[in-house]
PDB file of N, CA and C in Angstrom:
ATOM      1  N   MET A   1      66.388 -17.413 -10.715  1.00  0.00           N
ATOM      2  CA  MET A   1      67.164 -17.492  -9.310  1.00  0.00           C
ATOM      3  C   MET A   1      67.849 -17.608 -10.954  1.00  0.00           C
ATOM      4  N   ASP A   2      69.584 -16.541  -9.961  1.00  0.00           N
ATOM      5  CA  ASP A   2      70.322 -16.573 -11.450  1.00  0.00           C
ATOM      6  C   ASP A   2      71.196 -17.990 -10.557  1.00  0.00           C
ATOM      7  N   PHE A   3      72.480 -17.644 -11.982  1.00  0.00           N
ATOM      8  CA  PHE A   3      73.774 -19.025 -10.864  1.00  0.00           C
ATOM      9  C   PHE A   3      74.717 -18.742  -9.479  1.00  0.00           C
ATOM     10  N   ILE A   4      74.649 -16.853  -9.374  1.00  0.00           N
ATOM     11  CA  ILE A   4      75.294 -16.472  -8.264  1.00  0.00           C
ATOM     12  C   ILE A   4      74.560 -16.537  -6.897  1.00  0.00           C
ATOM     13  N   GLU A   5      73.489 -15.854  -7.483  1.00  0.00           N
ATOM     14  CA  GLU A   5      72.119 -16.205  -6.227  1.00  0.00           C
ATOM     15  C   GLU A   5      72.101 -18.183  -6.103  1.00  0.00           C
ATOM     16  N   PHE A   6      71.930 -18.538  -6.778  1.00  0.00           N
ATOM     17  CA  PHE A   6      71.799 -20.246  -6.390  1.00  0.00           C
ATOM     18  C   PHE A   6      72.513 -20.527  -5.519  1.00  0.00           C
ATOM     19  N   LEU A   7      73.987 -19.721  -5.700  1.00  0.00           N
ATOM     20  CA  LEU A   7      75.333 -21.102  -5.220  1.00  0.00           C
ATOM     21  C   LEU A   7      75.651 -19.925  -4.227  1.00  0.00           C
ATOM     22  N   GLU A   8      75.115 -18.137  -3.824  1.00  0.00           N
ATOM     23  CA  GLU A   8      74.868 -17.852  -2.519  1.00  0.00           C
ATOM     24  C   GLU A   8      74.376 -18.458  -1.760  1.00  0.00           C
ATOM     25  N   LYS A   9      72.908 -19.230  -1.838  1.00  0.00           N
ATOM     26  CA  LYS A   9      71.358 -18.979  -1.427  1.00  0.00           C
ATOM     27  C   LYS A   9      72.138 -20.911  -1.298  1.00  0.00           C
ATOM     28  N   GLU A  10      73.345 -21.817  -1.717  1.00  0.00           N
ATOM     29  CA  GLU A  10      72.452 -22.999  -1.320  1.00  0.00           C
ATOM     30  C   GLU A  10      74.089 -23.525  -1.601  1.00  0.00           C
ATOM     31  N   PHE A  11      76.041 -22.910  -1.200  1.00  0.00           N
ATOM     32  CA  PHE A  11      76.675 -22.947  -1.140  1.00  0.00           C
ATOM     33  C   PHE A  11      77.887 -22.476  -1.017  1.00  0.00           C
ATOM     34  N   LEU A  12      77.948 -21.437  -0.752  1.00  0.00           N
ATOM     35  CA  LEU A  12      79.199 -20.281  -0.531  1.00  0.00           C
ATOM     36  C   LEU A  12      78.957 -19.367   0.817  1.00  0.00           C
ATOM     37  N   TYR A  13      77.859 -19.384   0.922  1.00  0.00           N
ATOM     38  CA  TYR A  13      77.901 -19.628   2.796  1.00  0.00           C
ATOM     39  C   TYR A  13      78.214 -20.777   3.924  1.00  0.00           C
ATOM     40  N   LEU A  14      78.929 -21.898   3.366  1.00  0.00           N
ATOM     41  CA  LEU A  14      79.203 -23.057   3.700  1.00  0.00           C
ATOM     42  C   LEU A  14      80.845 -22.950   3.938  1.00  0.00           C
ATOM     43  N   VAL A  15      81.665 -21.957   2.589  1.00  0.00           N
ATOM     44  CA  VAL A  15      82.960 -22.055   2.451  1.00  0.00           C
ATOM     45  C   VAL A  15      83.800 -21.569   4.115  1.00  0.00           C
ATOM     46  N   ASN A  16      84.551 -21.424   3.781  1.00  0.00           N
ATOM     47  CA  ASN A  16      85.086 -21.394   4.909  1.00  0.00           C
ATOM     48  C   ASN A  16      85.871 -19.387   4.738  1.00  0.00           C
ATOM     49  N   ARG A  17      86.260 -18.824   5.497  1.00  0.00           N
ATOM     50  CA  ARG A  17      86.273 -17.734   5.739  1.00  0.00           C
ATOM     51  C   ARG A  17      87.445 -17.074   5.102  1.00  0.00           C
ATOM     52  N   ASP A  18      89.013 -18.325   4.482  1.00  0.00           N
ATOM     53  CA  ASP A  18      90.062 -17.881   4.696  1.00  0.00           C
ATOM     54  C   ASP A  18      90.090 -18.009   3.215  1.00  0.00           C
ATOM     55  N   THR A  19      88.461 -18.494   2.587  1.00  0.00           N
ATOM     56  CA  THR A  19      88.781 -19.359   1.165  1.00  0.00           C
ATOM     57  C   THR A  19      88.007 -17.206   0.441  1.00  0.00           C
ATOM     58  N   ILE A  20      88.504 -16.677  -0.911  1.00  0.00           N
ATOM     59  CA  ILE A  20      88.980 -16.082  -1.613  1.00  0.00           C
ATOM     60  C   ILE A  20      87.249 -15.763  -1.663  1.00  0.00           C
ATOM     61  N   ILE A  21      86.653 -15.963  -2.838  1.00  0.00           N
ATOM     62  CA  ILE A  21      85.891 -15.208  -3.619  1.00  0.00           C
ATOM     63  C   ILE A  21      85.728 -14.750  -4.417  1.00  0.00           C
ATOM     64  N   SER A  22      85.782 -15.291  -6.127  1.00  0.00           N
ATOM     65  CA  SER A  22      85.343 -13.682  -6.876  1.00  0.00           C
ATOM     66  C   SER A  22      83.873 -14.611  -7.720  1.00  0.00           C
ATOM     67  N   ILE A  23      83.373 -13.002  -7.592  1.00  0.00           N
ATOM     68  CA  ILE A  23      82.311 -12.661  -9.301  1.00  0.00           C
ATOM     69  C   ILE A  23      83.169 -13.125  -9.255  1.00  0.00           C
ATOM     70  N   ARG A  24      82.278 -13.637 -10.830  1.00  0.00           N
ATOM     71  CA  ARG A  24      82.664 -13.626 -12.334  1.00  0.00           C
ATOM     72  C   ARG A  24      81.280 -12.548 -13.107  1.00  0.00           C
ATOM     73  N   ARG A  25      81.500 -11.797 -13.728  1.00  0.00           N
ATOM     74  CA  ARG A  25      80.296 -11.643 -14.570  1.00  0.00           C
ATOM     75  C   ARG A  25      80.572 -11.626 -16.373  1.00  0.00           C
ATOM     76  N   ASP A  26      79.931 -11.411 -16.719  1.00  0.00           N
ATOM     77  CA  ASP A  26      80.674 -11.807 -18.365  1.00  0.00           C
ATOM     78  C   ASP A  26      79.415 -12.178 -19.558  1.00  0.00           C
ATOM     79  N   SER A  27      79.694 -10.427 -19.988  1.00  0.00           N
ATOM     80  CA  SER A  27      78.810 -10.067 -20.874  1.00  0.00           C
ATOM     81  C   SER A  27      79.125 -10.237 -22.316  1.00  0.00           C
ATOM     82  N   SER A  28      80.654 -10.195 -22.440  1.00  0.00           N
ATOM     83  CA  SER A  28      80.766 -10.899 -24.265  1.00  0.00           C
ATOM     84  C   SER A  28      79.824 -11.366 -25.165  1.00  0.00           C
ATOM     85  N   ASP A  29      80.381 -12.630 -24.153  1.00  0.00           N
ATOM     86  CA  ASP A  29      79.148 -14.158 -25.567  1.00  0.00           C
ATOM     87  C   ASP A  29      80.841 -13.830 -26.474  1.00  0.00           C
ATOM     88  N   SER A  30      82.727 -13.736 -26.303  1.00  0.00           N
ATOM     89  CA  SER A  30      82.933 -13.597 -27.433  1.00  0.00           C
ATOM     90  C   SER A  30      82.844 -15.498 -27.591  1.00  0.00           C
ATOM     91  N   ASN A  31      83.400 -16.494 -26.971  1.00  0.00           N
ATOM     92  CA  ASN A  31      83.453 -17.604 -27.198  1.00  0.00           C
ATOM     93  C   ASN A  31      82.319 -18.443 -27.870  1.00  0.00           C
ATOM     94  N   ASN A  32      81.100 -17.951 -27.872  1.00  0.00           N
ATOM     95  CA  ASN A  32      79.872 -18.580 -28.341  1.00  0.00           C
ATOM     96  C   ASN A  32      79.217 -19.566 -27.120  1.00  0.00           C
ATOM     97  N   LEU A  33      80.133 -19.151 -26.011  1.00  0.00           N
ATOM     98  CA  LEU A  33      79.317 -19.987 -25.035  1.00  0.00           C
ATOM     99  C   LEU A  33      77.940 -19.831 -23.871  1.00  0.00           C
ATOM    100  N   GLY A  34      77.668 -18.103 -24.428  1.00  0.00           N
ATOM    101  CA  GLY A  34      76.762 -16.680 -23.392  1.00  0.00           C
ATOM    102  C   GLY A  34      77.612 -16.153 -22.730  1.00  0.00           C
ATOM    103  N   VAL A  35      76.381 -15.289 -22.024  1.00  0.00           N
ATOM    104  CA  VAL A  35      77.011 -14.708 -20.627  1.00  0.00           C
ATOM    105  C   VAL A  35      77.257 -15.899 -20.176  1.00  0.00           C
ATOM    106  N   LEU A  36      78.179 -15.580 -19.468  1.00  0.00           N
ATOM    107  CA  LEU A  36      79.610 -16.216 -17.807  1.00  0.00           C
ATOM    108  C   LEU A  36      79.050 -15.423 -17.155  1.00  0.00           C
ATOM    109  N   THR A  37      79.039 -15.772 -15.659  1.00  0.00           N
ATOM    110  CA  THR A  37      78.316 -15.900 -14.387  1.00  0.00           C
ATOM    111  C   THR A  37      79.460 -17.389 -13.657  1.00  0.00           C
ATOM    112  N   GLY A  38      79.389 -17.337 -13.159  1.00  0.00           N
ATOM    113  CA  GLY A  38      80.265 -17.364 -11.418  1.00  0.00           C
ATOM    114  C   GLY A  38      80.943 -17.692 -11.003  1.00  0.00           C
ATOM    115  N   VAL A  39      81.586 -17.694 -10.588  1.00  0.00           N
ATOM    116  CA  VAL A  39      82.616 -17.452  -8.725  1.00  0.00           C
ATOM    117  C   VAL A  39      84.067 -17.904  -9.039  1.00  0.00           C
ATOM    118  N   ASP A  40      85.339 -17.223  -8.781  1.00  0.00           N
ATOM    119  CA  ASP A  40      86.507 -18.433  -8.576  1.00  0.00           C
ATOM    120  C   ASP A  40      86.356 -18.519  -6.974  1.00  0.00           C
ATOM    121  N   LEU A  41      87.759 -19.731  -6.455  1.00  0.00           N
ATOM    122  CA  LEU A  41      87.921 -20.299  -4.899  1.00  0.00           C
ATOM    123  C   LEU A  41      88.885 -19.935  -5.119  1.00  0.00           C
ATOM    124  N   ASP A  42      90.018 -19.487  -3.996  1.00  0.00           N
ATOM    125  CA  ASP A  42      91.186 -19.621  -3.995  1.00  0.00           C
ATOM    126  C   ASP A  42      90.939 -19.240  -2.179  1.00  0.00           C
ATOM    127  N   SER A  43      92.415 -20.593  -1.734  1.00  0.00           N
ATOM    128  CA  SER A  43      92.731 -20.759  -1.017  1.00  0.00           C
ATOM    129  C   SER A  43      93.754 -21.313  -0.643  1.00  0.00           C
ATOM    130  N   SER A  44      94.779 -21.318   0.287  1.00  0.00           N
ATOM    131  CA  SER A  44      95.397 -21.385   0.068  1.00  0.00           C
ATOM    132  C   SER A  44      95.993 -23.137   0.239  1.00  0.00           C
ATOM    133  N   LYS A  45      95.426 -24.203  -0.631  1.00  0.00           N
ATOM    134  CA  LYS A  45      95.336 -25.462  -0.706  1.00  0.00           C
ATOM    135  C   LYS A  45      95.284 -25.579  -1.753  1.00  0.00           C
ATOM    136  N   PHE A  46      93.714 -24.994  -2.814  1.00  0.00           N
ATOM    137  CA  PHE A  46      92.730 -24.725  -3.897  1.00  0.00           C
ATOM    138  C   PHE A  46      93.220 -23.704  -4.229  1.00  0.00           C
ATOM    139  N   SER A  47      92.687 -23.646  -6.234  1.00  0.00           N
ATOM    140  CA  SER A  47      92.064 -22.787  -6.760  1.00  0.00           C
ATOM    141  C   SER A  47      91.491 -23.457  -7.732  1.00  0.00           C
ATOM    142  N   GLY A  48      89.975 -22.975  -7.190  1.00  0.00           N
ATOM    143  CA  GLY A  48      88.954 -23.025  -8.367  1.00  0.00           C
ATOM    144  C   GLY A  48      87.613 -22.907  -8.974  1.00  0.00           C
ATOM    145  N   TYR A  49      87.484 -22.864 -10.159  1.00  0.00           N
ATOM    146  CA  TYR A  49      86.296 -21.943 -10.111  1.00  0.00           C
ATOM    147  C   TYR A  49      84.534 -22.530 -10.743  1.00  0.00           C
ATOM    148  N   ILE A  50      83.437 -21.802 -10.812  1.00  0.00           N
ATOM    149  CA  ILE A  50      82.001 -22.853 -11.580  1.00  0.00           C
ATOM    150  C   ILE A  50      82.006 -21.932 -12.031  1.00  0.00           C
ATOM    151  N   TYR A  51      81.089 -21.955 -13.430  1.00  0.00           N
ATOM    152  CA  TYR A  51      80.863 -21.067 -14.416  1.00  0.00           C
ATOM    153  C   TYR A  51      79.905 -21.860 -14.783  1.00  0.00           C
ATOM    154  N   PHE A  52      78.518 -21.390 -15.262  1.00  0.00           N
ATOM    155  CA  PHE A  52      77.756 -21.581 -16.101  1.00  0.00           C
ATOM    156  C   PHE A  52      77.799 -20.671 -16.471  1.00  0.00           C
ATOM    157  N   TRP A  53      77.698 -21.059 -18.514  1.00  0.00           N
ATOM    158  CA  TRP A  53      77.257 -20.021 -19.595  1.00  0.00           C
ATOM    159  C   TRP A  53      75.746 -20.301 -19.658  1.00  0.00           C
ATOM    160  N   SER A  54      75.206 -19.620 -21.041  1.00  0.00           N
ATOM    161  CA  SER A  54      73.567 -19.484 -20.568  1.00  0.00           C
ATOM    162  C   SER A  54      72.950 -19.503 -22.054  1.00  0.00           C
ATOM    163  N   LYS A  55      73.482 -20.828 -22.285  1.00  0.00           N
ATOM    164  CA  LYS A  55      73.147 -21.393 -23.555  1.00  0.00           C
ATOM    165  C   LYS A  55      73.759 -22.621 -23.167  1.00  0.00           C
ATOM    166  N   GLY A  56      73.809 -22.816 -22.251  1.00  0.00           N
ATOM    167  CA  GLY A  56      73.627 -24.011 -21.312  1.00  0.00           C
ATOM    168  C   GLY A  56      74.708 -25.189 -20.570  1.00  0.00           C
ATOM    169  N   PHE A  57      75.755 -24.220 -19.945  1.00  0.00           N
ATOM    170  CA  PHE A  57      77.219 -25.491 -20.514  1.00  0.00           C
ATOM    171  C   PHE A  57      77.352 -24.872 -19.005  1.00  0.00           C
ATOM    172  N   LEU A  58      77.622 -25.746 -17.677  1.00  0.00           N
ATOM    173  CA  LEU A  58      78.330 -25.890 -15.869  1.00  0.00           C
ATOM    174  C   LEU A  58      79.608 -26.057 -16.976  1.00  0.00           C
ATOM    175  N   ASP A  59      81.302 -25.184 -16.454  1.00  0.00           N
ATOM    176  CA  ASP A  59      82.687 -25.879 -16.408  1.00  0.00           C
ATOM    177  C   ASP A  59      82.694 -25.458 -15.172  1.00  0.00           C
ATOM    178  N   TYR A  60      83.689 -26.136 -14.488  1.00  0.00           N
ATOM    179  CA  TYR A  60      84.187 -26.371 -13.117  1.00  0.00           C
ATOM    180  C   TYR A  60      86.085 -26.422 -13.937  1.00  0.00           C
ATOM    181  N   ALA A  61      86.165 -26.534 -12.552  1.00  0.00           N
ATOM    182  CA  ALA A  61      87.735 -27.461 -12.502  1.00  0.00           C
ATOM    183  C   ALA A  61      88.376 -27.162 -10.857  1.00  0.00           C
ATOM    184  N   LEU A  62      89.391 -28.019 -10.402  1.00  0.00           N
ATOM    185  CA  LEU A  62      90.339 -27.541  -9.227  1.00  0.00           C
ATOM    186  C   LEU A  62      91.582 -27.539  -8.781  1.00  0.00           C
ATOM    187  N   TYR A  63      92.034 -26.884  -9.009  1.00  0.00           N
ATOM    188  CA  TYR A  63      93.905 -27.708  -8.500  1.00  0.00           C
ATOM    189  C   TYR A  63      94.404 -27.763  -6.903  1.00  0.00           C
ATOM    190  N   ASN A  64      95.052 -28.577  -7.269  1.00  0.00           N
ATOM    191  CA  ASN A  64      95.289 -28.474  -5.490  1.00  0.00           C
ATOM    192  C   ASN A  64      97.446 -27.857  -5.569  1.00  0.00           C
ATOM    193  N   ILE A  65      97.108 -26.738  -4.677  1.00  0.00           N
ATOM    194  CA  ILE A  65      97.719 -25.755  -5.036  1.00  0.00           C
ATOM    195  C   ILE A  65      99.494 -26.380  -3.979  1.00  0.00           C
ATOM    196  N   LYS A  66      99.154 -27.289  -3.198  1.00  0.00           N
ATOM    197  CA  LYS A  66      99.773 -28.069  -1.889  1.00  0.00           C
ATOM    198  C   LYS A  66     100.600 -29.031  -2.905  1.00  0.00           C
ATOM    199  N   GLU A  67      99.877 -30.531  -3.638  1.00  0.00           N
ATOM    200  CA  GLU A  67     100.869 -30.157  -4.485  1.00  0.00           C
ATOM    201  C   GLU A  67     100.671 -31.042  -5.670  1.00  0.00           C
ATOM    202  N   ASP A  68     100.315 -29.565  -6.648  1.00  0.00           N
ATOM    203  CA  ASP A  68     100.513 -29.040  -8.183  1.00  0.00           C
ATOM    204  C   ASP A  68     100.162 -30.435  -8.945  1.00  0.00           C
ATOM    205  N   ARG A  69      99.302 -30.245  -8.877  1.00  0.00           N
ATOM    206  CA  ARG A  69      97.907 -31.685  -9.240  1.00  0.00           C
ATOM    207  C   ARG A  69      97.130 -31.165  -9.861  1.00  0.00           C
ATOM    208  N   GLU A  70      96.416 -31.283 -10.714  1.00  0.00           N
ATOM    209  CA  GLU A  70      95.232 -30.811 -10.454  1.00  0.00           C
ATOM    210  C   GLU A  70      94.005 -32.154  -9.856  1.00  0.00           C
ATOM    211  N   GLU A  71      93.293 -31.960  -9.276  1.00  0.00           N
ATOM    212  CA  GLU A  71      92.252 -32.640  -8.027  1.00  0.00           C
ATOM    213  C   GLU A  71      91.285 -33.054  -9.097  1.00  0.00           C
ATOM    214  N   ILE A  72      90.601 -31.834  -9.834  1.00  0.00           N
ATOM    215  CA  ILE A  72      89.235 -32.013 -10.968  1.00  0.00           C
ATOM    216  C   ILE A  72      89.990 -31.359 -12.342  1.00  0.00           C
ATOM    217  N   PRO A  73      90.401 -31.837 -13.163  1.00  0.00           N
ATOM    218  CA  PRO A  73      90.091 -31.896 -14.288  1.00  0.00           C
ATOM    219  C   PRO A  73      89.024 -30.323 -14.793  1.00  0.00           C
ATOM    220  N   THR A  74      89.454 -29.878 -15.634  1.00  0.00           N
ATOM    221  CA  THR A  74      88.789 -28.832 -16.277  1.00  0.00           C
ATOM    222  C   THR A  74      87.800 -29.552 -17.097  1.00  0.00           C
ATOM    223  N   ARG A  75      86.473 -29.177 -17.292  1.00  0.00           N
ATOM    224  CA  ARG A  75      85.413 -29.739 -17.642  1.00  0.00           C
ATOM    225  C   ARG A  75      83.971 -29.187 -17.745  1.00  0.00           C
ATOM    226  N   ILE A  76      83.779 -29.085 -18.491  1.00  0.00           N
ATOM    227  CA  ILE A  76      82.129 -28.403 -19.622  1.00  0.00           C
ATOM    228  C   ILE A  76      81.298 -29.558 -19.774  1.00  0.00           C
ATOM    229  N   VAL A  77      80.145 -29.452 -19.300  1.00  0.00           N
ATOM    230  CA  VAL A  77      78.845 -30.090 -18.738  1.00  0.00           C
ATOM    231  C   VAL A  77      77.545 -29.409 -20.100  1.00  0.00           C
ATOM    232  N   GLU A  78      76.917 -30.310 -20.652  1.00  0.00           N
ATOM    233  CA  GLU A  78      76.304 -29.050 -21.556  1.00  0.00           C
ATOM    234  C   GLU A  78      75.113 -29.643 -20.012  1.00  0.00           C
ATOM    235  N   THR A  79      74.025 -28.891 -19.703  1.00  0.00           N
ATOM    236  CA  THR A  79      72.542 -28.380 -19.089  1.00  0.00           C
ATOM    237  C   THR A  79      71.929 -27.986 -19.239  1.00  0.00           C
ATOM    238  N   ASP A  80      71.173 -27.961 -18.484  1.00  0.00           N
ATOM    239  CA  ASP A  80      69.679 -26.313 -19.012  1.00  0.00           C
ATOM    240  C   ASP A  80      69.961 -26.864 -17.823  1.00  0.00           C
ATOM    241  N   ASP A  81      70.112 -26.716 -16.131  1.00  0.00           N
ATOM    242  CA  ASP A  81      69.783 -27.167 -15.566  1.00  0.00           C
ATOM    243  C   ASP A  81      71.046 -26.911 -14.588  1.00  0.00           C
ATOM    244  N   TYR A  82      71.117 -26.017 -13.517  1.00  0.00           N
ATOM    245  CA  TYR A  82      73.065 -24.708 -13.633  1.00  0.00           C
ATOM    246  C   TYR A  82      72.632 -25.799 -12.210  1.00  0.00           C
ATOM    247  N   GLN A  83      71.405 -25.827 -12.320  1.00  0.00           N
ATOM    248  CA  GLN A  83      71.526 -26.825 -10.172  1.00  0.00           C
ATOM    249  C   GLN A  83      71.759 -28.145 -10.352  1.00  0.00           C
ATOM    250  N   GLN A  84      72.586 -27.807 -10.251  1.00  0.00           N
ATOM    251  CA  GLN A  84      73.642 -29.725 -10.179  1.00  0.00           C
ATOM    252  C   GLN A  84      74.273 -29.778  -8.888  1.00  0.00           C
ATOM    253  N   LEU A  85      73.681 -29.865  -8.157  1.00  0.00           N
ATOM    254  CA  LEU A  85      74.123 -30.732  -7.145  1.00  0.00           C
ATOM    255  C   LEU A  85      74.912 -31.076  -6.460  1.00  0.00           C
ATOM    256  N   ASP A  86      74.783 -32.612  -7.208  1.00  0.00           N
ATOM    257  CA  ASP A  86      76.419 -32.387  -6.366  1.00  0.00           C
ATOM    258  C   ASP A  86      77.652 -32.120  -7.138  1.00  0.00           C
ATOM    259  N   LEU A  87      77.742 -31.469  -8.366  1.00  0.00           N
ATOM    260  CA  LEU A  87      78.576 -32.099  -8.580  1.00  0.00           C
ATOM    261  C   LEU A  87      79.664 -30.454  -7.641  1.00  0.00           C
ATOM    262  N   ILE A  88      78.295 -29.300  -7.288  1.00  0.00           N
ATOM    263  CA  ILE A  88      79.254 -28.504  -7.207  1.00  0.00           C
ATOM    264  C   ILE A  88      79.610 -28.606  -5.756  1.00  0.00           C
ATOM    265  N   ARG A  89      78.617 -29.360  -5.057  1.00  0.00           N
ATOM    266  CA  ARG A  89      79.357 -29.369  -3.299  1.00  0.00           C
ATOM    267  C   ARG A  89      80.300 -30.675  -3.816  1.00  0.00           C
ATOM    268  N   SER A  90      80.810 -31.703  -4.958  1.00  0.00           N
ATOM    269  CA  SER A  90      82.477 -31.981  -4.730  1.00  0.00           C
ATOM    270  C   SER A  90      83.110 -31.200  -4.724  1.00  0.00           C
ATOM    271  N   ILE A  91      83.290 -29.897  -5.498  1.00  0.00           N
ATOM    272  CA  ILE A  91      84.149 -28.742  -5.672  1.00  0.00           C
ATOM    273  C   ILE A  91      84.622 -27.359  -4.826  1.00  0.00           C
ATOM    274  N   VAL A  92      82.644 -26.925  -3.522  1.00  0.00           N
ATOM    275  CA  VAL A  92      83.203 -26.693  -3.037  1.00  0.00           C
ATOM    276  C   VAL A  92      83.084 -27.331  -1.434  1.00  0.00           C
ATOM    277  N   LYS A  93      83.345 -28.226  -1.232  1.00  0.00           N
ATOM    278  CA  LYS A  93      83.835 -28.801   0.277  1.00  0.00           C
ATOM    279  C   LYS A  93      85.126 -28.763  -0.150  1.00  0.00           C
ATOM    280  N   TYR A  94      86.421 -28.876  -1.147  1.00  0.00           N
ATOM    281  CA  TYR A  94      87.453 -28.322  -0.723  1.00  0.00           C
ATOM    282  C   TYR A  94      87.819 -27.149  -0.343  1.00  0.00           C
ATOM    283  N   PHE A  95      86.784 -26.565  -0.252  1.00  0.00           N
ATOM    284  CA  PHE A  95      86.816 -25.159   0.838  1.00  0.00           C
ATOM    285  C   PHE A  95      85.950 -24.581   1.516  1.00  0.00           C
ATOM    286  N   GLN A  96      85.699 -25.607   2.479  1.00  0.00           N
ATOM    287  CA  GLN A  96      84.846 -25.245   3.832  1.00  0.00           C
ATOM    288  C   GLN A  96      86.441 -26.137   4.965  1.00  0.00           C
TER     289      GLN A  96
END
């Protein structure tokens, strides 16, 4: 199962209908982190993303639009397993 399939199965069905979900796939490897797959999540209150880079990096951030501040600052975590349930859940909960 790839990262997008994992997100759809485990999390994206929980996102409220007012949230715009944009699937990202970029196979260019232009920044030496590998192939990017992930999602951008946008609602009237929050904007965020969760990406997995094929060379073993999970990249995420969440911005609070209403308060004009970073809710969860941009972070890149090195990992061989993208199934970081607590980390992904901590972002998705803002869109439920």
